[in-house]
PDB file of N, CA and C in Angstrom:
ATOM      1  N   MET A   1    -121.067 -92.592 -37.472  1.00  0.00           N
ATOM      2  CA  MET A   1    -122.307 -93.246 -37.772  1.00  0.00           C
ATOM      3  C   MET A   1    -123.177 -93.281 -36.559  1.00  0.00           C
ATOM      4  N   LEU A   2    -122.635 -93.283 -35.348  1.00  0.00           N
ATOM      5  CA  LEU A   2    -123.472 -93.337 -34.143  1.00  0.00           C
ATOM      6  C   LEU A   2    -123.887 -91.883 -33.663  1.00  0.00           C
ATOM      7  N   ALA A   3    -123.557 -90.863 -34.370  1.00  0.00           N
ATOM      8  CA  ALA A   3    -123.878 -89.561 -33.949  1.00  0.00           C
ATOM      9  C   ALA A   3    -125.320 -89.228 -34.141  1.00  0.00           C
ATOM     10  N   ASP A   4    -126.104 -90.080 -34.876  1.00  0.00           N
ATOM     11  CA  ASP A   4    -127.469 -89.830 -35.178  1.00  0.00           C
ATOM     12  C   ASP A   4    -128.314 -90.883 -34.368  1.00  0.00           C
ATOM     13  N   ALA A   5    -129.270 -90.466 -33.648  1.00  0.00           N
ATOM     14  CA  ALA A   5    -130.074 -91.378 -32.777  1.00  0.00           C
ATOM     15  C   ALA A   5    -130.905 -92.351 -33.667  1.00  0.00           C
ATOM     16  N   THR A   6    -131.333 -91.932 -34.849  1.00  0.00           N
ATOM     17  CA  THR A   6    -132.131 -92.842 -35.742  1.00  0.00           C
ATOM     18  C   THR A   6    -131.266 -94.021 -36.159  1.00  0.00           C
ATOM     19  N   ARG A   7    -129.982 -93.700 -36.531  1.00  0.00           N
ATOM     20  CA  ARG A   7    -129.141 -94.814 -36.899  1.00  0.00           C
ATOM     21  C   ARG A   7    -128.806 -95.737 -35.741  1.00  0.00           C
ATOM     22  N   VAL A   8    -128.692 -95.186 -34.559  1.00  0.00           N
ATOM     23  CA  VAL A   8    -128.512 -96.120 -33.400  1.00  0.00           C
ATOM     24  C   VAL A   8    -129.692 -96.953 -33.226  1.00  0.00           C
ATOM     25  N   ARG A   9    -130.906 -96.395 -33.329  1.00  0.00           N
ATOM     26  CA  ARG A   9    -132.146 -97.197 -33.202  1.00  0.00           C
ATOM     27  C   ARG A   9    -132.259 -98.262 -34.240  1.00  0.00           C
ATOM     28  N   ILE A  10    -131.811 -97.935 -35.519  1.00  0.00           N
ATOM     29  CA  ILE A  10    -131.854 -98.910 -36.576  1.00  0.00           C
ATOM     30  C   ILE A  10    -130.945-100.046 -36.293  1.00  0.00           C
ATOM     31  N   ILE A  11    -129.704 -99.775 -35.723  1.00  0.00           N
ATOM     32  CA  ILE A  11    -128.822-100.838 -35.421  1.00  0.00           C
ATOM     33  C   ILE A  11    -129.301-101.716 -34.307  1.00  0.00           C
ATOM     34  N   LEU A  12    -129.946-101.103 -33.291  1.00  0.00           N
ATOM     35  CA  LEU A  12    -130.528-101.805 -32.170  1.00  0.00           C
ATOM     36  C   LEU A  12    -131.615-102.734 -32.657  1.00  0.00           C
ATOM     37  N   ALA A  13    -132.453-102.130 -33.552  1.00  0.00           N
ATOM     38  CA  ALA A  13    -133.581-102.987 -34.076  1.00  0.00           C
ATOM     39  C   ALA A  13    -133.082-104.159 -34.871  1.00  0.00           C
ATOM     40  N   LEU A  14    -132.021-104.027 -35.636  1.00  0.00           N
ATOM     41  CA  LEU A  14    -131.467-105.080 -36.392  1.00  0.00           C
ATOM     42  C   LEU A  14    -130.800-106.037 -35.558  1.00  0.00           C
ATOM     43  N   ARG A  15    -130.160-105.583 -34.422  1.00  0.00           N
ATOM     44  CA  ARG A  15    -129.504-106.574 -33.518  1.00  0.00           C
ATOM     45  C   ARG A  15    -130.572-107.446 -32.872  1.00  0.00           C
ATOM     46  N   GLU A  16    -131.794-106.913 -32.565  1.00  0.00           N
ATOM     47  CA  GLU A  16    -132.792-107.700 -31.959  1.00  0.00           C
ATOM     48  C   GLU A  16    -133.510-108.664 -32.956  1.00  0.00           C
ATOM     49  N   SER A  17    -133.757-108.170 -34.129  1.00  0.00           N
ATOM     50  CA  SER A  17    -134.579-108.866 -35.039  1.00  0.00           C
ATOM     51  C   SER A  17    -133.812-109.699 -36.137  1.00  0.00           C
ATOM     52  N   GLY A  18    -132.526-109.416 -36.278  1.00  0.00           N
ATOM     53  CA  GLY A  18    -131.826-110.158 -37.370  1.00  0.00           C
ATOM     54  C   GLY A  18    -131.835-109.487 -38.656  1.00  0.00           C
ATOM     55  N   LYS A  19    -133.029-109.511 -39.311  1.00  0.00           N
ATOM     56  CA  LYS A  19    -133.195-108.829 -40.637  1.00  0.00           C
ATOM     57  C   LYS A  19    -134.516-108.228 -40.711  1.00  0.00           C
ATOM     58  N   LEU A  20    -134.640-107.098 -41.337  1.00  0.00           N
ATOM     59  CA  LEU A  20    -135.902-106.387 -41.483  1.00  0.00           C
ATOM     60  C   LEU A  20    -135.967-105.582 -42.809  1.00  0.00           C
ATOM     61  N   PRO A  21    -137.153-105.476 -43.355  1.00  0.00           N
ATOM     62  CA  PRO A  21    -137.320-104.515 -44.526  1.00  0.00           C
ATOM     63  C   PRO A  21    -137.461-103.114 -44.015  1.00  0.00           C
ATOM     64  N   VAL A  22    -137.292-102.187 -44.985  1.00  0.00           N
ATOM     65  CA  VAL A  22    -137.329-100.748 -44.675  1.00  0.00           C
ATOM     66  C   VAL A  22    -138.647-100.389 -43.983  1.00  0.00           C
ATOM     67  N   ASN A  23    -139.776-100.825 -44.470  1.00  0.00           N
ATOM     68  CA  ASN A  23    -141.022-100.404 -43.853  1.00  0.00           C
ATOM     69  C   ASN A  23    -141.133-100.846 -42.417  1.00  0.00           C
ATOM     70  N   ARG A  24    -140.703-102.009 -42.123  1.00  0.00           N
ATOM     71  CA  ARG A  24    -140.761-102.537 -40.708  1.00  0.00           C
ATOM     72  C   ARG A  24    -139.836-101.746 -39.843  1.00  0.00           C
ATOM     73  N   LEU A  25    -138.596-101.503 -40.315  1.00  0.00           N
ATOM     74  CA  LEU A  25    -137.661-100.655 -39.621  1.00  0.00           C
ATOM     75  C   LEU A  25    -138.171 -99.270 -39.369  1.00  0.00           C
ATOM     76  N   ALA A  26    -138.977 -98.746 -40.269  1.00  0.00           N
ATOM     77  CA  ALA A  26    -139.467 -97.453 -40.107  1.00  0.00           C
ATOM     78  C   ALA A  26    -140.435 -97.438 -38.966  1.00  0.00           C
ATOM     79  N   LYS A  27    -141.303 -98.405 -38.917  1.00  0.00           N
ATOM     80  CA  LYS A  27    -142.277 -98.531 -37.794  1.00  0.00           C
ATOM     81  C   LYS A  27    -141.594 -98.685 -36.542  1.00  0.00           C
ATOM     82  N   VAL A  28    -140.539 -99.563 -36.441  1.00  0.00           N
ATOM     83  CA  VAL A  28    -139.839 -99.809 -35.192  1.00  0.00           C
ATOM     84  C   VAL A  28    -139.126 -98.511 -34.638  1.00  0.00           C
ATOM     85  N   VAL A  29    -138.543 -97.715 -35.515  1.00  0.00           N
ATOM     86  CA  VAL A  29    -137.849 -96.566 -35.102  1.00  0.00           C
ATOM     87  C   VAL A  29    -138.699 -95.265 -35.137  1.00  0.00           C
ATOM     88  N   HIS A  30    -139.929 -95.399 -35.537  1.00  0.00           N
ATOM     89  CA  HIS A  30    -140.830 -94.312 -35.555  1.00  0.00           C
ATOM     90  C   HIS A  30    -140.409 -93.199 -36.496  1.00  0.00           C
ATOM     91  N   LYS A  31    -139.996 -93.540 -37.690  1.00  0.00           N
ATOM     92  CA  LYS A  31    -139.613 -92.597 -38.659  1.00  0.00           C
ATOM     93  C   LYS A  31    -140.207 -92.960 -39.987  1.00  0.00           C
ATOM     94  N   ALA A  32    -140.205 -91.969 -40.915  1.00  0.00           N
ATOM     95  CA  ALA A  32    -140.725 -92.217 -42.244  1.00  0.00           C
ATOM     96  C   ALA A  32    -139.836 -93.209 -43.037  1.00  0.00           C
ATOM     97  N   PRO A  33    -140.482 -94.050 -43.871  1.00  0.00           N
ATOM     98  CA  PRO A  33    -139.565 -95.009 -44.608  1.00  0.00           C
ATOM     99  C   PRO A  33    -138.525 -94.296 -45.470  1.00  0.00           C
ATOM    100  N   ALA A  34    -138.804 -93.171 -46.021  1.00  0.00           N
ATOM    101  CA  ALA A  34    -137.814 -92.484 -46.804  1.00  0.00           C
ATOM    102  C   ALA A  34    -136.609 -91.992 -45.996  1.00  0.00           C
ATOM    103  N   ALA A  35    -136.834 -91.536 -44.747  1.00  0.00           N
ATOM    104  CA  ALA A  35    -135.815 -91.138 -43.802  1.00  0.00           C
ATOM    105  C   ALA A  35    -134.987 -92.304 -43.443  1.00  0.00           C
ATOM    106  N   VAL A  36    -135.648 -93.469 -43.141  1.00  0.00           N
ATOM    107  CA  VAL A  36    -134.913 -94.687 -42.742  1.00  0.00           C
ATOM    108  C   VAL A  36    -134.125 -95.125 -43.906  1.00  0.00           C
ATOM    109  N   SER A  37    -134.597 -95.116 -45.123  1.00  0.00           N
ATOM    110  CA  SER A  37    -133.879 -95.481 -46.252  1.00  0.00           C
ATOM    111  C   SER A  37    -132.531 -94.690 -46.504  1.00  0.00           C
ATOM    112  N   GLN A  38    -132.682 -93.376 -46.177  1.00  0.00           N
ATOM    113  CA  GLN A  38    -131.436 -92.530 -46.243  1.00  0.00           C
ATOM    114  C   GLN A  38    -130.385 -92.936 -45.201  1.00  0.00           C
ATOM    115  N   HIS A  39    -130.901 -93.212 -44.065  1.00  0.00           N
ATOM    116  CA  HIS A  39    -129.987 -93.633 -42.989  1.00  0.00           C
ATOM    117  C   HIS A  39    -129.314 -95.026 -43.331  1.00  0.00           C
ATOM    118  N   LEU A  40    -130.149 -95.914 -43.867  1.00  0.00           N
ATOM    119  CA  LEU A  40    -129.644 -97.232 -44.288  1.00  0.00           C
ATOM    120  C   LEU A  40    -128.580 -97.105 -45.365  1.00  0.00           C
ATOM    121  N   ALA A  41    -128.744 -96.125 -46.292  1.00  0.00           N
ATOM    122  CA  ALA A  41    -127.785 -95.940 -47.378  1.00  0.00           C
ATOM    123  C   ALA A  41    -126.458 -95.527 -46.727  1.00  0.00           C
ATOM    124  N   LYS A  42    -126.444 -94.655 -45.700  1.00  0.00           N
ATOM    125  CA  LYS A  42    -125.211 -94.274 -45.045  1.00  0.00           C
ATOM    126  C   LYS A  42    -124.591 -95.414 -44.290  1.00  0.00           C
ATOM    127  N   LEU A  43    -125.411 -96.217 -43.734  1.00  0.00           N
ATOM    128  CA  LEU A  43    -124.893 -97.356 -42.948  1.00  0.00           C
ATOM    129  C   LEU A  43    -124.337 -98.438 -43.869  1.00  0.00           C
ATOM    130  N   ARG A  44    -124.943 -98.513 -45.070  1.00  0.00           N
ATOM    131  CA  ARG A  44    -124.366 -99.478 -46.091  1.00  0.00           C
ATOM    132  C   ARG A  44    -123.008 -98.986 -46.583  1.00  0.00           C
ATOM    133  N   LEU A  45    -122.920 -97.682 -46.818  1.00  0.00           N
ATOM    134  CA  LEU A  45    -121.623 -97.152 -47.264  1.00  0.00           C
ATOM    135  C   LEU A  45    -120.530 -97.366 -46.203  1.00  0.00           C
ATOM    136  N   ALA A  46    -120.881 -97.267 -44.949  1.00  0.00           N
ATOM    137  CA  ALA A  46    -119.914 -97.528 -43.883  1.00  0.00           C
ATOM    138  C   ALA A  46    -119.749 -98.963 -43.546  1.00  0.00           C
ATOM    139  N   ARG A  47    -120.464 -99.801 -44.295  1.00  0.00           N
ATOM    140  CA  ARG A  47    -120.387-101.276 -44.137  1.00  0.00           C
ATOM    141  C   ARG A  47    -120.842-101.756 -42.800  1.00  0.00           C
ATOM    142  N   VAL A  48    -121.810-101.057 -42.254  1.00  0.00           N
ATOM    143  CA  VAL A  48    -122.370-101.436 -40.973  1.00  0.00           C
ATOM    144  C   VAL A  48    -123.533-102.398 -41.171  1.00  0.00           C
ATOM    145  N   VAL A  49    -124.279-102.180 -42.256  1.00  0.00           N
ATOM    146  CA  VAL A  49    -125.389-103.072 -42.636  1.00  0.00           C
ATOM    147  C   VAL A  49    -125.194-103.570 -44.074  1.00  0.00           C
ATOM    148  N   THR A  50    -125.871-104.732 -44.333  1.00  0.00           N
ATOM    149  CA  THR A  50    -125.951-105.188 -45.731  1.00  0.00           C
ATOM    150  C   THR A  50    -127.362-105.451 -46.038  1.00  0.00           C
ATOM    151  N   ALA A  51    -127.591-105.433 -47.365  1.00  0.00           N
ATOM    152  CA  ALA A  51    -129.022-105.689 -47.877  1.00  0.00           C
ATOM    153  C   ALA A  51    -129.075-106.903 -48.708  1.00  0.00           C
ATOM    154  N   ARG A  52    -130.144-107.583 -48.591  1.00  0.00           N
ATOM    155  CA  ARG A  52    -130.475-108.698 -49.506  1.00  0.00           C
ATOM    156  C   ARG A  52    -131.803-108.592 -50.081  1.00  0.00           C
ATOM    157  N   GLN A  53    -131.812-108.732 -51.328  1.00  0.00           N
ATOM    158  CA  GLN A  53    -133.118-108.610 -52.125  1.00  0.00           C
ATOM    159  C   GLN A  53    -133.866-109.934 -52.066  1.00  0.00           C
ATOM    160  N   GLU A  54    -135.118-109.840 -51.655  1.00  0.00           N
ATOM    161  CA  GLU A  54    -136.059-110.967 -51.639  1.00  0.00           C
ATOM    162  C   GLU A  54    -137.303-110.543 -52.359  1.00  0.00           C
ATOM    163  N   GLY A  55    -137.402-111.005 -53.601  1.00  0.00           N
ATOM    164  CA  GLY A  55    -138.515-110.483 -54.444  1.00  0.00           C
ATOM    165  C   GLY A  55    -138.350-109.057 -54.700  1.00  0.00           C
ATOM    166  N   ASN A  56    -139.417-108.282 -54.361  1.00  0.00           N
ATOM    167  CA  ASN A  56    -139.294-106.824 -54.663  1.00  0.00           C
ATOM    168  C   ASN A  56    -139.022-106.057 -53.334  1.00  0.00           C
ATOM    169  N   ARG A  57    -138.580-106.755 -52.279  1.00  0.00           N
ATOM    170  CA  ARG A  57    -138.253-106.156 -51.024  1.00  0.00           C
ATOM    171  C   ARG A  57    -136.776-106.345 -50.656  1.00  0.00           C
ATOM    172  N   ALA A  58    -136.189-105.344 -50.084  1.00  0.00           N
ATOM    173  CA  ALA A  58    -134.816-105.469 -49.557  1.00  0.00           C
ATOM    174  C   ALA A  58    -134.834-105.669 -48.053  1.00  0.00           C
ATOM    175  N   PHE A  59    -134.144-106.635 -47.597  1.00  0.00           N
ATOM    176  CA  PHE A  59    -134.077-106.922 -46.169  1.00  0.00           C
ATOM    177  C   PHE A  59    -132.599-106.514 -45.698  1.00  0.00           C
ATOM    178  N   TYR A  60    -132.588-105.784 -44.623  1.00  0.00           N
ATOM    179  CA  TYR A  60    -131.329-105.267 -44.048  1.00  0.00           C
ATOM    180  C   TYR A  60    -130.944-106.076 -42.857  1.00  0.00           C
ATOM    181  N   ARG A  61    -129.619-106.228 -42.622  1.00  0.00           N
ATOM    182  CA  ARG A  61    -129.111-106.835 -41.427  1.00  0.00           C
ATOM    183  C   ARG A  61    -127.757-106.266 -41.106  1.00  0.00           C
ATOM    184  N   LEU A  62    -127.363-106.461 -39.850  1.00  0.00           N
ATOM    185  CA  LEU A  62    -126.078-105.948 -39.544  1.00  0.00           C
ATOM    186  C   LEU A  62    -124.978-106.764 -40.305  1.00  0.00           C
ATOM    187  N   ALA A  63    -123.944-106.105 -40.718  1.00  0.00           N
ATOM    188  CA  ALA A  63    -122.897-106.718 -41.529  1.00  0.00           C
ATOM    189  C   ALA A  63    -122.098-107.676 -40.725  1.00  0.00           C
ATOM    190  N   ASN A  64    -121.927-107.430 -39.422  1.00  0.00           N
ATOM    191  CA  ASN A  64    -121.191-108.325 -38.552  1.00  0.00           C
ATOM    192  C   ASN A  64    -121.441-108.014 -37.145  1.00  0.00           C
ATOM    193  N   GLU A  65    -120.887-108.821 -36.221  1.00  0.00           N
ATOM    194  CA  GLU A  65    -121.091-108.553 -34.803  1.00  0.00           C
ATOM    195  C   GLU A  65    -120.462-107.303 -34.290  1.00  0.00           C
ATOM    196  N   HIS A  66    -119.478-106.702 -35.038  1.00  0.00           N
ATOM    197  CA  HIS A  66    -118.790-105.531 -34.601  1.00  0.00           C
ATOM    198  C   HIS A  66    -119.701-104.330 -34.551  1.00  0.00           C
ATOM    199  N   ALA A  67    -120.644-104.242 -35.468  1.00  0.00           N
ATOM    200  CA  ALA A  67    -121.621-103.182 -35.432  1.00  0.00           C
ATOM    201  C   ALA A  67    -122.442-103.185 -34.178  1.00  0.00           C
ATOM    202  N   SER A  68    -122.857-104.322 -33.763  1.00  0.00           N
ATOM    203  CA  SER A  68    -123.671-104.516 -32.567  1.00  0.00           C
ATOM    204  C   SER A  68    -122.876-104.075 -31.347  1.00  0.00           C
ATOM    205  N   GLN A  69    -121.618-104.633 -31.346  1.00  0.00           N
ATOM    206  CA  GLN A  69    -120.728-104.307 -30.186  1.00  0.00           C
ATOM    207  C   GLN A  69    -120.416-102.848 -30.109  1.00  0.00           C
ATOM    208  N   MET A  70    -120.252-102.199 -31.302  1.00  0.00           N
ATOM    209  CA  MET A  70    -119.941-100.754 -31.305  1.00  0.00           C
ATOM    210  C   MET A  70    -121.142 -99.951 -30.613  1.00  0.00           C
ATOM    211  N   VAL A  71    -122.295-100.316 -30.878  1.00  0.00           N
ATOM    212  CA  VAL A  71    -123.411 -99.631 -30.223  1.00  0.00           C
ATOM    213  C   VAL A  71    -123.422 -99.885 -28.777  1.00  0.00           C
ATOM    214  N   SER A  72    -123.194-101.149 -28.357  1.00  0.00           N
ATOM    215  CA  SER A  72    -123.171-101.517 -26.920  1.00  0.00           C
ATOM    216  C   SER A  72    -122.067-100.655 -26.258  1.00  0.00           C
ATOM    217  N   ASP A  73    -120.907-100.641 -26.789  1.00  0.00           N
ATOM    218  CA  ASP A  73    -119.826 -99.894 -26.207  1.00  0.00           C
ATOM    219  C   ASP A  73    -120.162 -98.380 -26.095  1.00  0.00           C
ATOM    220  N   ALA A  74    -120.778 -97.855 -27.074  1.00  0.00           N
ATOM    221  CA  ALA A  74    -121.127 -96.430 -27.087  1.00  0.00           C
ATOM    222  C   ALA A  74    -122.168 -96.136 -25.985  1.00  0.00           C
ATOM    223  N   ILE A  75    -123.097 -97.079 -25.778  1.00  0.00           N
ATOM    224  CA  ILE A  75    -124.077 -96.918 -24.708  1.00  0.00           C
ATOM    225  C   ILE A  75    -123.446 -97.013 -23.379  1.00  0.00           C
ATOM    226  N   PHE A  76    -122.581 -97.999 -23.216  1.00  0.00           N
ATOM    227  CA  PHE A  76    -121.912 -98.155 -21.934  1.00  0.00           C
ATOM    228  C   PHE A  76    -120.991 -96.829 -21.650  1.00  0.00           C
ATOM    229  N   GLN A  77    -120.292 -96.326 -22.600  1.00  0.00           N
ATOM    230  CA  GLN A  77    -119.523 -95.144 -22.483  1.00  0.00           C
ATOM    231  C   GLN A  77    -120.429 -93.956 -22.028  1.00  0.00           C
ATOM    232  N   ALA A  78    -121.524 -93.825 -22.708  1.00  0.00           N
ATOM    233  CA  ALA A  78    -122.503 -92.749 -22.335  1.00  0.00           C
ATOM    234  C   ALA A  78    -122.965 -92.926 -20.934  1.00  0.00           C
ATOM    235  N   GLU A  79    -123.204 -94.093 -20.483  1.00  0.00           N
ATOM    236  CA  GLU A  79    -123.609 -94.313 -19.028  1.00  0.00           C
ATOM    237  C   GLU A  79    -122.496 -93.875 -18.113  1.00  0.00           C
ATOM    238  N   HIS A  80    -121.259 -94.032 -18.455  1.00  0.00           N
ATOM    239  CA  HIS A  80    -120.134 -93.689 -17.606  1.00  0.00           C
ATOM    240  C   HIS A  80    -120.136 -92.169 -17.496  1.00  0.00           C
ATOM    241  N   SER A  81    -120.413 -91.444 -18.589  1.00  0.00           N
ATOM    242  CA  SER A  81    -120.296 -89.985 -18.561  1.00  0.00           C
ATOM    243  C   SER A  81    -121.450 -89.303 -17.792  1.00  0.00           C
ATOM    244  N   LEU A  82    -122.473 -90.083 -17.457  1.00  0.00           N
ATOM    245  CA  LEU A  82    -123.576 -89.479 -16.697  1.00  0.00           C
ATOM    246  C   LEU A  82    -123.329 -89.299 -15.249  1.00  0.00           C
ATOM    247  N   GLY A  83    -122.276 -90.051 -14.753  1.00  0.00           N
ATOM    248  CA  GLY A  83    -121.956 -90.018 -13.366  1.00  0.00           C
ATOM    249  C   GLY A  83    -122.659 -91.152 -12.597  1.00  0.00           C
ATOM    250  N   GLY A  84    -122.244 -91.415 -11.360  1.00  0.00           N
ATOM    251  CA  GLY A  84    -122.823 -92.528 -10.644  1.00  0.00           C
ATOM    252  C   GLY A  84    -122.375 -93.870 -11.173  1.00  0.00           C
ATOM    253  N   VAL A  85    -123.096 -94.922 -10.671  1.00  0.00           N
ATOM    254  CA  VAL A  85    -122.762 -96.242 -11.114  1.00  0.00           C
ATOM    255  C   VAL A  85    -123.593 -96.568 -12.288  1.00  0.00           C
ATOM    256  N   PRO A  86    -122.874 -96.799 -13.473  1.00  0.00           N
ATOM    257  CA  PRO A  86    -123.582 -97.162 -14.744  1.00  0.00           C
ATOM    258  C   PRO A  86    -124.476 -98.434 -14.606  1.00  0.00           C
ATOM    259  N   ARG A  87    -125.574 -98.419 -15.291  1.00  0.00           N
ATOM    260  CA  ARG A  87    -126.449 -99.547 -15.280  1.00  0.00           C
ATOM    261  C   ARG A  87    -125.817-100.909 -15.508  1.00  0.00           C
ATOM    262  N   HIS A  88    -124.878-100.928 -16.494  1.00  0.00           N
ATOM    263  CA  HIS A  88    -124.254-102.223 -16.834  1.00  0.00           C
ATOM    264  C   HIS A  88    -123.368-102.687 -15.649  1.00  0.00           C
ATOM    265  N   HIS A  89    -122.857-101.827 -14.863  1.00  0.00           N
ATOM    266  CA  HIS A  89    -122.105-102.197 -13.669  1.00  0.00           C
ATOM    267  C   HIS A  89    -123.004-102.654 -12.537  1.00  0.00           C
ATOM    268  N   ARG A  90    -124.209-102.135 -12.426  1.00  0.00           N
ATOM    269  CA  ARG A  90    -125.136-102.609 -11.365  1.00  0.00           C
ATOM    270  C   ARG A  90    -125.633-104.036 -11.654  1.00  0.00           C
ATOM    271  N   ALA A  91    -125.642-104.381 -12.845  1.00  0.00           N
ATOM    272  CA  ALA A  91    -126.089-105.779 -13.216  1.00  0.00           C
ATOM    273  C   ALA A  91    -124.914-106.726 -12.781  1.00  0.00           C
ATOM    274  N   ASP A  92    -123.739-106.339 -13.045  1.00  0.00           N
ATOM    275  CA  ASP A  92    -122.556-107.179 -12.613  1.00  0.00           C
ATOM    276  C   ASP A  92    -122.506-107.216 -11.138  1.00  0.00           C
ATOM    277  N   SER A  93    -122.694-106.150 -10.355  1.00  0.00           N
ATOM    278  CA  SER A  93    -122.682-106.155  -8.959  1.00  0.00           C
ATOM    279  C   SER A  93    -123.711-107.111  -8.364  1.00  0.00           C
ATOM    280  N   ALA A  94    -124.942-107.105  -8.990  1.00  0.00           N
ATOM    281  CA  ALA A  94    -126.023-107.972  -8.502  1.00  0.00           C
ATOM    282  C   ALA A  94    -125.730-109.378  -8.678  1.00  0.00           C
ATOM    283  N   LYS A  95    -125.027-109.745  -9.859  1.00  0.00           N
ATOM    284  CA  LYS A  95    -124.700-111.140 -10.103  1.00  0.00           C
ATOM    285  C   LYS A  95    -123.636-111.559  -9.051  1.00  0.00           C
ATOM    286  N   ARG A  96    -122.676-110.723  -8.772  1.00  0.00           N
ATOM    287  CA  ARG A  96    -121.632-111.060  -7.774  1.00  0.00           C
ATOM    288  C   ARG A  96    -122.198-111.204  -6.365  1.00  0.00           C
ATOM    289  N   ALA A  97    -123.119-110.451  -5.994  1.00  0.00           N
ATOM    290  CA  ALA A  97    -123.768-110.493  -4.654  1.00  0.00           C
ATOM    291  C   ALA A  97    -124.581-111.759  -4.510  1.00  0.00           C
ATOM    292  N   SER A  98    -125.201-112.187  -5.585  1.00  0.00           N
ATOM    293  CA  SER A  98    -126.032-113.391  -5.471  1.00  0.00           C
ATOM    294  C   SER A  98    -125.218-114.719  -5.566  1.00  0.00           C
ATOM    295  N   ALA A  99    -123.945-114.599  -5.999  1.00  0.00           N
ATOM    296  CA  ALA A  99    -123.119-115.801  -6.171  1.00  0.00           C
ATOM    297  C   ALA A  99    -122.611-116.306  -4.840  1.00  0.00           C
TER     298      ALA A  99
END
């Protein structure tokens, strides 16, 4: 599910906003609503997101905190593969230095 950048952006947007309709998600991730809808369908099948109908609009949210953690872990792992000191380790070093 994380092999596609649009799906990662959707998960990050939902992590920040809580719940969003398709049109708002499309604006946030800079994709067409139809494309976002297709990605959301795949994320729903994988039980990463859930949808709730409010009137004639469907609002999407992360199914649980594991989806959010999965993206964070993937980003952290990608930072490790780039070499050097990953950004998330620099933040920890700065906290320890100021303590």
